Amino acid sequence: MGASETYGVFESPDKEWPAQLRDLLPAQYEVINTAVAGLPLKYFPSYIAKYVLPVEPDVVVVVVNPIFMVARNDGQPAEVVEDIKISEPEKPENSLKPPIIKRIRPTFRVITNTKQIIKQALIENFPTLLKKFQIWSLSRQITKLEAEYLKGMKPFDTAPEVDLQNFKNITEKVIDLVMANGTKVILCTYPSLISYESFTKYPAIMLGTRRYHIYLSMDGMTDALIKGNAIVFDTSIEKKITVVDISAAIPKTLEYFEDAYHYTDKGAALFAEKIAAQILLNPENK
């Protein structure tokens, strides 16, 4: 269960990590990819209750992006959400119906992969010029977005505590909901290309990512990721559930990441290997 990083974006067909997990497990295991691209964490409980639990899973692997929990464009503190109610998800209802998946997934991949092919061709032929243009263009976009949304305020250099608390509260809600169904939970730390070093190594990718987190500075993005993954660890201990440190397992290089959040085939393979090892470690996970 996750968003676009789990649904699959840049991978080759059937190379997203859940599909590769399926290939790594013995025949008695069935793997269902219930991820929805762009689904915010606050909708996870409702979505899981309506679409995931009815298929009676034995184990649910949960992948959540902590940075998107602070996805606010007004620059103002949010309120801590203590009571998380399960309601009708606002995302498309029919996401799990096979005919919809079959129509959407190939188109989604063709568009994104075509963009990557064009970009790669430009990089190979005009590497220095393209890099300078990308950085210049993205910097201009960010300046405009800051003026529009922050209105003179500085972006956060650290993740606001209220957002981190909401991330913890909703993650706990997801865990409690799944476990109340008699289902085991495997929680994952969130792997990302984002790091302090990546700002220097991959400036265009980092600037491109910041457009979606304009309320956070570059340091703020990294801080949110580090603190969010620490919350995942702490929550797993409190709830006495399994956690797999995928963030530490996947190197922060373009060999494993296509952008800040999405994987290459090799990155997805490493993700799948870590989950498969954990599932096979416990013979009760069937």
Protein backbone atom coordinates (compact mmCIF):
# COMPACT_ATOMS: atom_id res chain seq x y z
CA MET A 1 0.00 0.00 0.00
CA GLY A 2 1.51 3.29 -1.08
CA ALA A 3 1.36 6.03 -3.69
CA SER A 4 3.11 6.45 -7.06
CA GLU A 5 6.44 5.05 -5.85
CA THR A 6 4.64 1.75 -5.20
CA TYR A 7 2.16 1.94 -8.07
CA GLY A 8 5.12 2.28 -10.45
CA VAL A 9 6.08 5.14 -12.77
CA PHE A 10 9.40 4.86 -14.58
CA GLU A 11 9.98 1.12 -14.27
CA SER A 12 9.67 -1.23 -17.21
CA PRO A 13 6.38 -3.16 -17.42
CA ASP A 14 6.03 -5.51 -14.43
CA LYS A 15 9.18 -4.14 -12.84
CA GLU A 16 7.56 -1.99 -10.12
CA TRP A 17 8.62 -3.35 -6.74
CA PRO A 18 5.34 -5.18 -5.89
CA ALA A 19 5.52 -7.04 -9.23
CA GLN A 20 9.17 -7.95 -8.58
CA LEU A 21 8.20 -9.02 -5.05
CA ARG A 22 5.63 -11.37 -6.54
CA ASP A 23 8.34 -12.96 -8.71
CA LEU A 24 10.64 -13.45 -5.71
CA LEU A 25 8.09 -15.26 -3.53
CA PRO A 26 7.01 -18.92 -3.78
CA ALA A 27 3.83 -19.82 -5.64
CA GLN A 28 1.61 -19.92 -2.53
CA TYR A 29 2.01 -16.16 -2.08
CA GLU A 30 -0.23 -13.68 -3.86
CA VAL A 31 0.88 -10.05 -4.15
CA ILE A 32 -1.71 -7.34 -4.84
CA ASN A 33 -0.53 -3.81 -5.62
CA THR A 34 -3.19 -1.56 -4.06
CA ALA A 35 -1.20 1.68 -4.41
CA VAL A 36 -2.83 4.79 -5.88
CA ALA A 37 -0.64 7.43 -7.53
CA GLY A 38 -1.03 10.75 -5.74
CA LEU A 39 -3.12 9.42 -2.83
CA PRO A 40 -2.38 11.60 0.25
CA LEU A 41 -1.69 9.84 3.53
CA LYS A 42 -4.81 11.33 5.14
CA TYR A 43 -6.93 9.20 2.77
CA PHE A 44 -5.06 5.96 3.48
CA PRO A 45 -7.38 4.83 6.34
CA SER A 46 -10.57 5.29 4.29
CA TYR A 47 -9.03 3.75 1.20
CA ILE A 48 -7.67 0.75 3.11
CA ALA A 49 -11.01 0.19 4.85
CA LYS A 50 -12.94 0.24 1.57
CA TYR A 51 -10.58 -1.41 -0.90
CA VAL A 52 -7.73 -3.23 0.84
CA LEU A 53 -9.22 -5.04 3.83
CA PRO A 54 -12.11 -6.59 1.84
CA VAL A 55 -9.61 -8.76 -0.06
CA GLU A 56 -8.62 -10.26 3.34
CA PRO A 57 -4.84 -9.80 3.19
CA ASP A 58 -2.57 -11.70 5.56
CA VAL A 59 0.10 -8.99 5.43
CA VAL A 60 -0.05 -5.35 4.37
CA VAL A 61 3.21 -3.63 3.44
CA VAL A 62 2.79 0.11 4.09
CA VAL A 63 4.93 2.76 2.37
CA VAL A 64 4.29 6.40 3.29
CA ASN A 65 6.10 9.58 2.23
CA PRO A 66 6.56 11.88 5.27
CA ILE A 67 7.41 14.93 3.17
CA PHE A 68 3.95 14.97 1.62
CA MET A 69 2.44 15.17 5.10
CA VAL A 70 3.71 18.74 5.25
CA ALA A 71 2.26 19.50 1.81
CA ARG A 72 0.79 22.90 2.70
CA ASN A 73 1.14 25.90 0.46
CA ASP A 74 -0.09 28.59 2.85
CA GLY A 75 2.99 28.59 5.08
CA GLN A 76 0.77 28.56 8.15
CA PRO A 77 0.79 25.96 10.93
CA ALA A 78 -1.86 23.28 10.67
CA GLU A 79 -3.80 21.84 13.58
CA VAL A 80 -2.97 18.48 15.10
CA VAL A 81 -5.52 15.90 13.98
CA GLU A 82 -6.25 13.60 16.91
CA ASP A 83 -9.48 11.95 15.75
CA ILE A 84 -8.98 10.53 12.27
CA LYS A 85 -12.33 9.47 10.89
CA ILE A 86 -12.80 6.95 8.14
CA SER A 87 -14.82 8.48 5.35
CA GLU A 88 -15.31 8.12 1.63
CA PRO A 89 -11.99 8.68 -0.16
CA GLU A 90 -11.96 11.68 -2.45
CA LYS A 91 -9.71 9.94 -4.96
CA PRO A 92 -11.18 7.90 -7.85
CA GLU A 93 -13.34 5.07 -6.51
CA ASN A 94 -12.58 2.57 -9.24
CA SER A 95 -8.79 2.59 -8.93
CA LEU A 96 -8.59 -1.13 -8.14
CA LYS A 97 -10.92 -2.41 -10.85
CA PRO A 98 -8.77 -4.36 -13.36
CA PRO A 99 -10.20 -2.74 -16.54
CA ILE A 100 -9.32 0.71 -15.21
CA ILE A 101 -5.83 -0.37 -14.18
CA LYS A 102 -5.19 -1.94 -17.57
CA ARG A 103 -6.19 1.23 -19.36
CA ILE A 104 -4.42 3.73 -17.12
CA ARG A 105 -1.12 2.03 -16.30
CA PRO A 106 0.24 1.70 -19.87
CA THR A 107 -0.74 5.28 -20.74
CA PHE A 108 0.76 6.59 -17.49
CA ARG A 109 4.03 4.82 -18.22
CA VAL A 110 4.16 5.77 -21.91
CA ILE A 111 3.84 9.48 -21.09
CA THR A 112 6.45 9.45 -18.30
CA ASN A 113 8.87 7.20 -20.18
CA THR A 114 8.58 9.31 -23.33
CA LYS A 115 9.52 12.38 -21.31
CA GLN A 116 12.52 10.52 -19.91
CA ILE A 117 13.66 9.42 -23.39
CA ILE A 118 13.48 13.00 -24.71
CA LYS A 119 15.25 14.34 -21.64
CA GLN A 120 17.98 11.69 -21.88
CA ALA A 121 18.56 12.47 -25.56
CA LEU A 122 18.98 16.16 -24.75
CA ILE A 123 21.32 15.37 -21.86
CA GLU A 124 23.51 13.16 -24.06
CA ASN A 125 23.77 15.75 -26.84
CA PHE A 126 23.76 19.02 -24.91
CA PRO A 127 24.65 18.09 -21.31
CA THR A 128 26.15 21.34 -20.02
CA LEU A 129 23.76 23.66 -21.82
CA LEU A 130 20.68 21.70 -20.78
CA LYS A 131 21.77 21.50 -17.15
CA LYS A 132 22.30 25.26 -16.96
CA PHE A 133 18.95 25.93 -18.62
CA GLN A 134 17.13 23.51 -16.28
CA ILE A 135 18.58 25.12 -13.17
CA TRP A 136 17.83 28.61 -14.44
CA SER A 137 14.26 27.72 -15.42
CA LEU A 138 13.51 25.86 -12.19
CA SER A 139 14.98 28.64 -10.06
CA ARG A 140 12.66 31.13 -11.78
CA GLN A 141 9.67 28.88 -11.20
CA ILE A 142 10.51 28.52 -7.51
CA THR A 143 10.90 32.30 -7.11
CA LYS A 144 7.42 32.80 -8.58
CA LEU A 145 5.90 30.07 -6.41
CA GLU A 146 7.47 31.51 -3.27
CA ALA A 147 6.05 34.93 -4.09
CA GLU A 148 2.61 33.44 -4.72
CA TYR A 149 2.35 31.12 -1.72
CA LEU A 150 4.76 32.33 0.94
CA LYS A 151 4.06 36.03 0.41
CA GLY A 152 7.34 37.22 1.89
CA MET A 153 7.69 34.46 4.48
CA LYS A 154 10.74 32.24 4.44
CA PRO A 155 10.28 28.54 3.70
CA PHE A 156 10.65 26.20 6.66
CA ASP A 157 14.21 24.94 7.22
CA THR A 158 12.82 22.27 9.54
CA ALA A 159 9.61 20.29 9.31
CA PRO A 160 6.87 21.84 11.50
CA GLU A 161 6.18 19.74 14.58
CA VAL A 162 2.43 19.85 13.98
CA ASP A 163 2.85 18.16 10.60
CA LEU A 164 5.17 15.53 12.02
CA GLN A 165 2.62 14.82 14.75
CA ASN A 166 -0.11 14.44 12.14
CA PHE A 167 2.15 12.09 10.17
CA LYS A 168 2.55 9.97 13.29
CA ASN A 169 -1.16 10.06 14.14
CA ILE A 170 -2.32 8.96 10.71
CA THR A 171 0.39 6.30 10.41
CA GLU A 172 -0.77 4.89 13.75
CA LYS A 173 -4.38 4.97 12.51
CA VAL A 174 -3.39 2.95 9.45
CA ILE A 175 -1.56 0.39 11.58
CA ASP A 176 -4.41 0.08 14.10
CA LEU A 177 -6.97 -0.30 11.33
CA VAL A 178 -5.05 -3.08 9.60
CA MET A 179 -4.17 -4.93 12.80
CA ALA A 180 -7.78 -4.76 14.03
CA ASN A 181 -8.62 -6.81 10.95
CA GLY A 182 -6.26 -9.55 12.13
CA THR A 183 -3.74 -8.60 9.46
CA LYS A 184 -0.01 -8.17 10.00
CA VAL A 185 1.73 -4.93 9.07
CA ILE A 186 5.17 -4.41 7.60
CA LEU A 187 6.08 -0.73 7.79
CA CYS A 188 8.78 0.74 5.53
CA THR A 189 11.00 3.75 5.95
CA TYR A 190 10.72 5.97 2.91
CA PRO A 191 13.61 5.86 0.40
CA SER A 192 14.34 9.03 -1.53
CA LEU A 193 17.10 10.62 -3.57
CA ILE A 194 16.72 13.68 -1.31
CA SER A 195 19.73 14.36 0.90
CA TYR A 196 22.04 17.25 1.72
CA GLU A 197 24.59 15.80 -0.72
CA SER A 198 22.03 15.50 -3.53
CA PHE A 199 21.53 19.29 -3.61
CA THR A 200 25.05 19.51 -5.04
CA LYS A 201 25.09 16.30 -7.07
CA TYR A 202 21.62 16.60 -8.62
CA PRO A 203 20.59 20.27 -8.44
CA ALA A 204 18.01 20.10 -11.24
CA ILE A 205 16.21 17.13 -9.70
CA MET A 206 16.20 18.71 -6.26
CA LEU A 207 14.94 22.06 -7.57
CA GLY A 208 12.28 20.25 -9.58
CA THR A 209 11.16 18.41 -6.45
CA ARG A 210 11.03 21.57 -4.38
CA ARG A 211 8.34 22.99 -6.65
CA TYR A 212 5.96 20.56 -4.93
CA HIS A 213 7.18 21.54 -1.46
CA ILE A 214 7.51 25.30 -1.82
CA TYR A 215 6.81 25.81 1.91
CA LEU A 216 9.99 23.81 2.68
CA SER A 217 13.53 24.89 1.88
CA MET A 218 16.01 22.35 0.56
CA ASP A 219 17.13 21.75 4.15
CA GLY A 220 13.49 21.51 5.20
CA MET A 221 12.81 18.74 2.70
CA THR A 222 15.70 16.69 4.04
CA ASP A 223 14.72 17.39 7.64
CA ALA A 224 11.14 16.23 6.98
CA LEU A 225 12.39 13.00 5.44
CA ILE A 226 14.85 12.23 8.25
CA LYS A 227 12.39 13.01 11.03
CA GLY A 228 9.55 11.20 9.26
CA ASN A 229 11.61 8.04 8.94
CA ALA A 230 12.55 8.32 12.63
CA ILE A 231 8.81 8.44 13.41
CA VAL A 232 8.33 5.27 11.36
CA PHE A 233 10.95 3.52 13.49
CA ASP A 234 9.50 4.82 16.76
CA THR A 235 5.96 3.87 15.75
CA SER A 236 7.01 0.36 14.79
CA ILE A 237 8.55 -0.11 18.23
CA GLU A 238 5.49 1.27 20.01
CA LYS A 239 3.12 -0.90 17.97
CA LYS A 240 5.45 -3.93 18.05
CA ILE A 241 5.36 -4.41 14.31
CA THR A 242 8.00 -5.14 11.70
CA VAL A 243 9.86 -2.26 10.07
CA VAL A 244 12.12 -2.58 7.02
CA ASP A 245 14.64 0.22 6.58
CA ILE A 246 14.29 0.67 2.83
CA SER A 247 15.65 4.21 3.10
CA ALA A 248 19.04 2.87 4.19
CA ALA A 249 18.93 -0.02 1.72
CA ILE A 250 18.63 1.93 -1.54
CA PRO A 251 21.68 4.08 -2.42
CA LYS A 252 20.89 7.72 -3.24
CA THR A 253 22.15 7.66 -6.82
CA LEU A 254 20.60 7.77 -10.29
CA GLU A 255 21.39 4.09 -10.67
CA TYR A 256 18.45 3.41 -8.34
CA PHE A 257 16.30 6.55 -8.64
CA GLU A 258 14.79 8.21 -11.71
CA ASP A 259 13.84 11.29 -9.70
CA ALA A 260 13.51 12.16 -6.02
CA TYR A 261 10.83 9.55 -5.28
CA HIS A 262 10.57 7.03 -8.11
CA TYR A 263 12.80 4.09 -8.86
CA THR A 264 14.65 2.56 -11.74
CA ASP A 265 14.15 -1.16 -12.33
CA LYS A 266 17.25 -1.73 -10.20
CA GLY A 267 15.96 0.41 -7.34
CA ALA A 268 12.60 -1.37 -7.40
CA ALA A 269 14.40 -4.73 -7.42
CA LEU A 270 16.34 -3.82 -4.28
CA PHE A 271 13.12 -2.70 -2.60
CA ALA A 272 11.44 -6.01 -3.51
CA GLU A 273 14.39 -8.06 -2.28
CA LYS A 274 14.29 -6.44 1.17
CA ILE A 275 10.55 -7.04 1.54
CA ALA A 276 10.78 -10.61 0.25
CA ALA A 277 13.54 -11.41 2.74
CA GLN A 278 11.40 -10.10 5.58
CA ILE A 279 8.30 -12.04 4.51
CA LEU A 280 10.20 -15.29 4.06
CA LEU A 281 11.88 -14.80 7.42
CA ASN A 282 8.53 -15.49 9.07
CA PRO A 283 6.80 -18.63 7.74
CA GLU A 284 3.47 -17.37 9.15
CA ASN A 285 3.41 -14.64 6.51
CA LYS A 286 1.42 -16.41 3.79
